[in-house]
N, C-alpha and C. Protein backbone atom coordinates (compact mmCIF):
# COMPACT_ATOMS: atom_id res chain seq x y z
N MET A 1 -252.91 -18.31 -47.45
CA MET A 1 -253.82 -18.85 -46.33
C MET A 1 -253.59 -20.16 -45.88
N GLN A 2 -252.83 -20.92 -46.55
CA GLN A 2 -252.72 -22.50 -45.87
C GLN A 2 -251.97 -22.48 -44.79
N SER A 3 -250.94 -21.58 -44.63
CA SER A 3 -250.12 -21.34 -43.38
C SER A 3 -251.10 -20.83 -42.27
N LYS A 4 -252.18 -20.00 -42.60
CA LYS A 4 -252.76 -19.64 -41.39
C LYS A 4 -253.77 -20.84 -40.97
N ILE A 5 -254.07 -21.62 -41.91
CA ILE A 5 -254.98 -22.70 -41.51
C ILE A 5 -253.88 -23.76 -40.84
N LYS A 6 -252.79 -24.15 -41.19
CA LYS A 6 -251.90 -24.86 -40.56
C LYS A 6 -251.47 -24.35 -39.11
N GLU A 7 -251.33 -23.04 -39.06
CA GLU A 7 -251.00 -22.36 -37.61
C GLU A 7 -252.36 -22.80 -36.68
N ALA A 8 -253.56 -22.47 -37.16
CA ALA A 8 -254.82 -22.68 -36.43
C ALA A 8 -254.99 -24.11 -36.20
N TYR A 9 -254.49 -25.10 -37.05
CA TYR A 9 -254.40 -26.38 -36.97
C TYR A 9 -253.74 -26.83 -35.84
N ASN A 10 -252.57 -26.16 -35.63
CA ASN A 10 -251.60 -26.43 -34.50
C ASN A 10 -252.03 -26.08 -33.30
N ARG A 11 -252.79 -25.09 -33.14
CA ARG A 11 -253.45 -24.60 -32.10
C ARG A 11 -254.58 -25.68 -31.60
N LEU A 12 -255.39 -25.97 -32.70
CA LEU A 12 -256.43 -27.01 -32.30
C LEU A 12 -255.83 -28.31 -31.72
N ILE A 13 -254.59 -28.67 -32.32
CA ILE A 13 -253.90 -29.78 -31.60
C ILE A 13 -253.64 -29.68 -30.14
N ALA A 14 -253.10 -28.61 -29.96
CA ALA A 14 -252.70 -28.22 -28.62
C ALA A 14 -253.70 -28.18 -27.69
N GLN A 15 -254.92 -27.67 -28.22
CA GLN A 15 -256.18 -27.63 -27.27
C GLN A 15 -256.76 -29.16 -26.92
N TRP A 16 -256.47 -29.90 -28.25
CA TRP A 16 -256.95 -31.34 -27.92
C TRP A 16 -256.16 -32.00 -26.99
N MET A 17 -254.72 -31.63 -27.01
CA MET A 17 -253.90 -32.31 -26.07
C MET A 17 -254.26 -32.08 -24.71
N THR A 18 -254.60 -30.79 -24.50
CA THR A 18 -255.01 -30.24 -22.96
C THR A 18 -256.38 -31.05 -22.59
N ILE A 19 -257.11 -31.25 -23.49
CA ILE A 19 -258.53 -31.92 -23.22
C ILE A 19 -258.14 -33.42 -22.87
N VAL A 20 -257.37 -34.13 -23.76
CA VAL A 20 -256.97 -35.54 -23.69
C VAL A 20 -256.23 -35.70 -22.16
N ASP A 21 -255.33 -34.84 -21.75
CA ASP A 21 -254.61 -34.89 -20.56
C ASP A 21 -255.51 -34.68 -19.34
N ARG A 22 -256.75 -34.35 -19.40
CA ARG A 22 -257.68 -33.99 -18.32
C ARG A 22 -258.12 -35.20 -17.80
N PRO A 23 -258.55 -35.29 -16.41
CA PRO A 23 -258.94 -36.69 -15.84
C PRO A 23 -260.54 -36.71 -16.19
N ILE A 24 -260.90 -36.83 -17.27
CA ILE A 24 -262.32 -37.25 -17.54
C ILE A 24 -262.47 -38.41 -18.47
N SER A 25 -263.75 -38.79 -18.64
CA SER A 25 -263.87 -40.00 -19.60
C SER A 25 -263.33 -39.81 -20.85
N SER A 26 -263.01 -40.98 -21.42
CA SER A 26 -262.77 -40.95 -23.08
C SER A 26 -263.80 -40.53 -23.72
N ASP A 27 -265.03 -40.53 -23.50
CA ASP A 27 -266.35 -40.22 -24.34
C ASP A 27 -266.33 -38.42 -24.05
N GLU A 28 -265.85 -38.09 -22.75
CA GLU A 28 -266.07 -36.87 -22.68
C GLU A 28 -265.06 -35.90 -23.42
N LYS A 29 -263.74 -36.63 -23.40
CA LYS A 29 -262.67 -36.12 -24.19
C LYS A 29 -263.00 -36.11 -25.38
N GLN A 30 -263.64 -36.99 -26.11
CA GLN A 30 -263.88 -37.04 -27.80
C GLN A 30 -264.98 -36.05 -27.89
N ALA A 31 -266.09 -35.84 -27.14
CA ALA A 31 -267.06 -34.83 -27.35
C ALA A 31 -266.42 -33.70 -27.58
N GLU A 32 -265.70 -33.23 -26.34
CA GLU A 32 -264.99 -32.13 -26.12
C GLU A 32 -264.01 -31.67 -27.59
N CYS A 33 -263.36 -32.65 -27.73
CA CYS A 33 -262.56 -32.37 -29.12
C CYS A 33 -263.30 -32.35 -30.47
N MET A 34 -264.31 -32.86 -30.45
CA MET A 34 -265.27 -32.79 -31.80
C MET A 34 -265.95 -31.39 -31.66
N ALA A 35 -266.30 -31.01 -30.57
CA ALA A 35 -266.94 -29.54 -30.43
C ALA A 35 -265.85 -28.67 -30.78
N LEU A 36 -264.70 -28.71 -30.49
CA LEU A 36 -263.69 -27.82 -30.72
C LEU A 36 -263.27 -27.81 -32.41
N LEU A 37 -263.43 -28.93 -32.83
CA LEU A 37 -263.39 -29.24 -34.45
C LEU A 37 -264.39 -28.61 -35.07
N ARG A 38 -265.63 -28.58 -34.69
CA ARG A 38 -266.66 -27.95 -35.38
C ARG A 38 -266.66 -26.41 -35.26
N GLU A 39 -266.23 -25.88 -33.92
CA GLU A 39 -265.92 -24.62 -33.98
C GLU A 39 -264.89 -24.07 -34.97
N PHE A 40 -263.73 -24.91 -34.95
CA PHE A 40 -262.76 -24.47 -35.96
C PHE A 40 -263.20 -24.42 -37.42
N ILE A 41 -264.10 -25.50 -37.59
CA ILE A 41 -264.70 -25.35 -39.12
C ILE A 41 -265.41 -24.26 -39.35
N ASP A 42 -266.39 -23.80 -38.29
CA ASP A 42 -267.28 -22.74 -38.43
C ASP A 42 -266.61 -21.34 -38.67
N GLY A 43 -265.51 -21.52 -37.66
CA GLY A 43 -264.69 -20.29 -37.97
C GLY A 43 -263.96 -20.12 -39.43
N MET A 44 -263.45 -21.17 -40.05
CA MET A 44 -263.18 -21.19 -41.43
C MET A 44 -264.09 -21.00 -42.49
N ALA A 45 -265.22 -21.38 -42.01
CA ALA A 45 -266.31 -20.96 -42.99
C ALA A 45 -266.94 -19.44 -42.94
N SER A 46 -267.05 -19.04 -41.60
CA SER A 46 -267.35 -17.66 -41.69
C SER A 46 -266.38 -16.72 -42.24
N LYS A 47 -265.00 -17.03 -41.97
CA LYS A 47 -263.88 -16.13 -42.74
C LYS A 47 -264.19 -16.20 -44.26
N ARG A 48 -264.34 -17.24 -44.61
CA ARG A 48 -264.50 -17.42 -46.28
C ARG A 48 -265.55 -16.84 -46.78
N MET A 49 -266.69 -16.84 -46.07
CA MET A 49 -268.00 -16.22 -46.59
C MET A 49 -268.00 -14.87 -46.77
N ARG A 50 -266.96 -14.06 -46.28
CA ARG A 50 -266.81 -12.73 -46.32
C ARG A 50 -266.01 -12.23 -47.64
N GLY A 51 -265.38 -13.07 -48.18
CA GLY A 51 -264.49 -12.94 -49.34
C GLY A 51 -265.23 -13.48 -50.79
N ALA A 52 -264.48 -13.27 -51.63
CA ALA A 52 -264.69 -13.69 -53.22
C ALA A 52 -264.64 -15.11 -53.05
N ASN A 53 -265.24 -15.75 -54.08
CA ASN A 53 -265.32 -17.31 -54.10
C ASN A 53 -265.32 -17.99 -52.80
N GLY A 54 -266.12 -17.63 -51.86
CA GLY A 54 -266.21 -18.20 -50.57
C GLY A 54 -266.23 -19.68 -50.46
N PRO A 55 -267.63 -20.08 -51.07
CA PRO A 55 -267.62 -21.60 -51.05
C PRO A 55 -266.43 -22.28 -51.49
N LEU A 56 -265.97 -21.98 -52.81
CA LEU A 56 -264.69 -22.76 -53.26
C LEU A 56 -263.48 -22.67 -52.44
N ARG A 57 -263.25 -21.58 -51.67
CA ARG A 57 -262.16 -21.40 -50.88
C ARG A 57 -262.39 -22.21 -49.79
N PHE A 58 -263.59 -22.31 -49.08
CA PHE A 58 -263.77 -23.18 -47.79
C PHE A 58 -263.74 -24.46 -48.35
N HIS A 59 -264.08 -24.88 -49.50
CA HIS A 59 -264.11 -26.37 -49.87
C HIS A 59 -262.48 -26.67 -49.88
N ALA A 60 -261.80 -25.64 -50.53
CA ALA A 60 -260.40 -26.04 -50.49
C ALA A 60 -259.65 -26.16 -49.01
N ASP A 61 -260.22 -25.38 -48.20
CA ASP A 61 -259.81 -25.24 -46.72
C ASP A 61 -259.93 -26.60 -46.17
N MET A 62 -261.20 -27.20 -46.50
CA MET A 62 -261.83 -28.34 -45.72
C MET A 62 -260.86 -29.86 -46.44
N LEU A 63 -260.38 -29.58 -47.76
CA LEU A 63 -259.33 -30.54 -48.17
C LEU A 63 -258.12 -30.50 -47.64
N LEU A 64 -257.46 -29.29 -47.32
CA LEU A 64 -256.30 -29.14 -46.80
C LEU A 64 -256.41 -29.74 -45.18
N LEU A 65 -257.59 -29.39 -44.53
CA LEU A 65 -257.79 -29.81 -43.05
C LEU A 65 -257.86 -31.47 -43.20
N GLU A 66 -258.50 -32.05 -44.34
CA GLU A 66 -258.68 -33.43 -44.44
C GLU A 66 -257.34 -34.00 -44.40
N GLU A 67 -256.36 -33.30 -45.31
CA GLU A 67 -254.94 -33.78 -45.40
C GLU A 67 -254.23 -33.71 -43.89
N LEU A 68 -254.33 -32.51 -43.38
CA LEU A 68 -253.60 -32.39 -42.02
C LEU A 68 -254.20 -33.37 -40.93
N LEU A 69 -255.48 -33.82 -40.97
CA LEU A 69 -256.05 -34.83 -40.01
C LEU A 69 -255.81 -36.23 -40.54
N ARG A 70 -255.19 -36.37 -41.52
CA ARG A 70 -255.21 -37.74 -41.98
C ARG A 70 -254.29 -38.76 -41.06
N PRO A 71 -254.86 -39.80 -40.61
CA PRO A 71 -254.21 -40.47 -39.46
C PRO A 71 -252.88 -40.97 -40.21
N ARG A 72 -251.91 -40.88 -39.26
CA ARG A 72 -250.27 -41.39 -39.68
C ARG A 72 -250.01 -42.34 -38.75
N LEU A 73 -248.92 -42.09 -38.13
CA LEU A 73 -248.40 -43.10 -37.31
C LEU A 73 -248.82 -43.29 -35.69
N GLY A 74 -249.22 -42.25 -35.28
CA GLY A 74 -249.72 -42.16 -33.97
C GLY A 74 -250.57 -43.17 -33.53
N ARG A 75 -250.48 -43.57 -32.21
CA ARG A 75 -251.53 -44.66 -31.72
C ARG A 75 -251.69 -44.26 -30.28
N ASP A 76 -251.44 -42.93 -29.88
CA ASP A 76 -251.96 -42.53 -28.61
C ASP A 76 -253.28 -42.16 -28.26
N GLU A 77 -253.47 -41.76 -27.13
CA GLU A 77 -255.06 -41.49 -26.87
C GLU A 77 -255.42 -40.28 -27.91
N LEU A 78 -254.73 -39.28 -28.12
CA LEU A 78 -255.19 -38.20 -28.94
C LEU A 78 -255.56 -38.72 -30.29
N PHE A 79 -254.62 -39.58 -30.66
CA PHE A 79 -254.95 -40.17 -32.28
C PHE A 79 -256.34 -40.86 -32.15
N HIS A 80 -256.77 -41.79 -31.26
CA HIS A 80 -257.88 -42.42 -31.06
C HIS A 80 -259.13 -41.59 -30.67
N LEU A 81 -259.00 -40.55 -29.82
CA LEU A 81 -260.06 -39.56 -29.41
C LEU A 81 -260.26 -38.50 -30.34
N ALA A 82 -259.09 -37.91 -30.89
CA ALA A 82 -259.31 -36.81 -31.79
C ALA A 82 -259.20 -36.93 -33.31
N ILE A 83 -258.03 -37.44 -33.66
CA ILE A 83 -257.50 -37.45 -34.83
C ILE A 83 -258.36 -38.29 -35.87
N ILE A 84 -258.46 -39.71 -35.48
CA ILE A 84 -259.32 -40.45 -36.25
C ILE A 84 -260.97 -40.11 -36.38
N PRO A 85 -261.47 -39.60 -35.15
CA PRO A 85 -262.92 -39.28 -35.63
C PRO A 85 -263.13 -37.76 -36.23
N GLY A 86 -261.82 -36.90 -36.09
CA GLY A 86 -261.86 -35.50 -36.65
C GLY A 86 -261.77 -35.88 -37.92
N HIS A 87 -260.69 -36.67 -38.48
CA HIS A 87 -260.48 -36.95 -40.09
C HIS A 87 -261.74 -37.51 -40.43
N LYS A 88 -262.60 -38.47 -39.95
CA LYS A 88 -263.85 -39.13 -40.48
C LYS A 88 -264.97 -37.80 -40.57
N LEU A 89 -265.00 -37.06 -39.53
CA LEU A 89 -265.89 -35.90 -39.86
C LEU A 89 -265.75 -35.14 -41.02
N VAL A 90 -264.42 -34.87 -41.23
CA VAL A 90 -264.14 -34.00 -42.29
C VAL A 90 -264.22 -34.57 -43.50
N LYS A 91 -263.77 -35.81 -43.59
CA LYS A 91 -263.99 -36.74 -44.80
C LYS A 91 -265.25 -36.81 -45.10
N GLU A 92 -266.16 -37.25 -44.19
CA GLU A 92 -267.58 -37.17 -44.47
C GLU A 92 -268.28 -36.02 -45.32
N TRP A 93 -267.74 -34.98 -44.66
CA TRP A 93 -268.23 -33.61 -45.36
C TRP A 93 -267.88 -33.64 -46.83
N ILE A 94 -266.63 -33.77 -47.03
CA ILE A 94 -265.84 -33.65 -48.39
C ILE A 94 -266.80 -34.50 -49.27
N ASP A 95 -266.86 -35.96 -48.74
CA ASP A 95 -267.53 -37.02 -49.62
C ASP A 95 -268.90 -36.70 -50.00
N GLN A 96 -269.82 -36.18 -48.94
CA GLN A 96 -271.06 -35.54 -49.25
C GLN A 96 -271.14 -34.49 -50.19
N HIS A 97 -270.46 -33.52 -50.09
CA HIS A 97 -270.28 -32.27 -50.93
C HIS A 97 -269.77 -32.58 -52.27
N LEU A 98 -268.88 -33.63 -52.38
CA LEU A 98 -268.36 -33.97 -53.64
C LEU A 98 -269.54 -34.85 -54.51
N SER A 99 -270.24 -35.52 -53.78
CA SER A 99 -271.33 -36.10 -54.46
C SER A 99 -272.45 -35.34 -54.80
N ILE A 100 -272.70 -34.46 -54.10
CA ILE A 100 -273.67 -33.34 -54.38
C ILE A 100 -273.20 -32.50 -55.88
N LYS A 101 -271.96 -32.22 -55.89
CA LYS A 101 -271.30 -31.49 -57.03
C LYS A 101 -271.39 -32.29 -58.32
N ALA A 102 -271.12 -33.64 -58.14
CA ALA A 102 -271.10 -34.57 -59.26
C ALA A 102 -272.56 -34.84 -59.91
N LYS A 103 -273.51 -34.70 -59.13
CA LYS A 103 -274.83 -34.88 -59.62
C LYS A 103 -275.44 -34.04 -60.58
């Protein structure tokens, strides 16, 4: 499944690049990119909920997504408008759900 997520992630990045290249404001670009990320996550969740151990597998998917989104060396518009806020969104979800499990 990891390779499927990585392939889907690569498609997401391509969609983000298309958005970033459009002549719209930075706020609009970021909003569209985050909407696509939410759709991406919703799709992962719905696929996982159909199978065995769905919540556990979804959590593992989110950990993989967090790793894929981890900011690295890029410093272009895509990095600032999609990668950093996308990583923050996923990391916040993971942190919130790990704190629930720990209680």
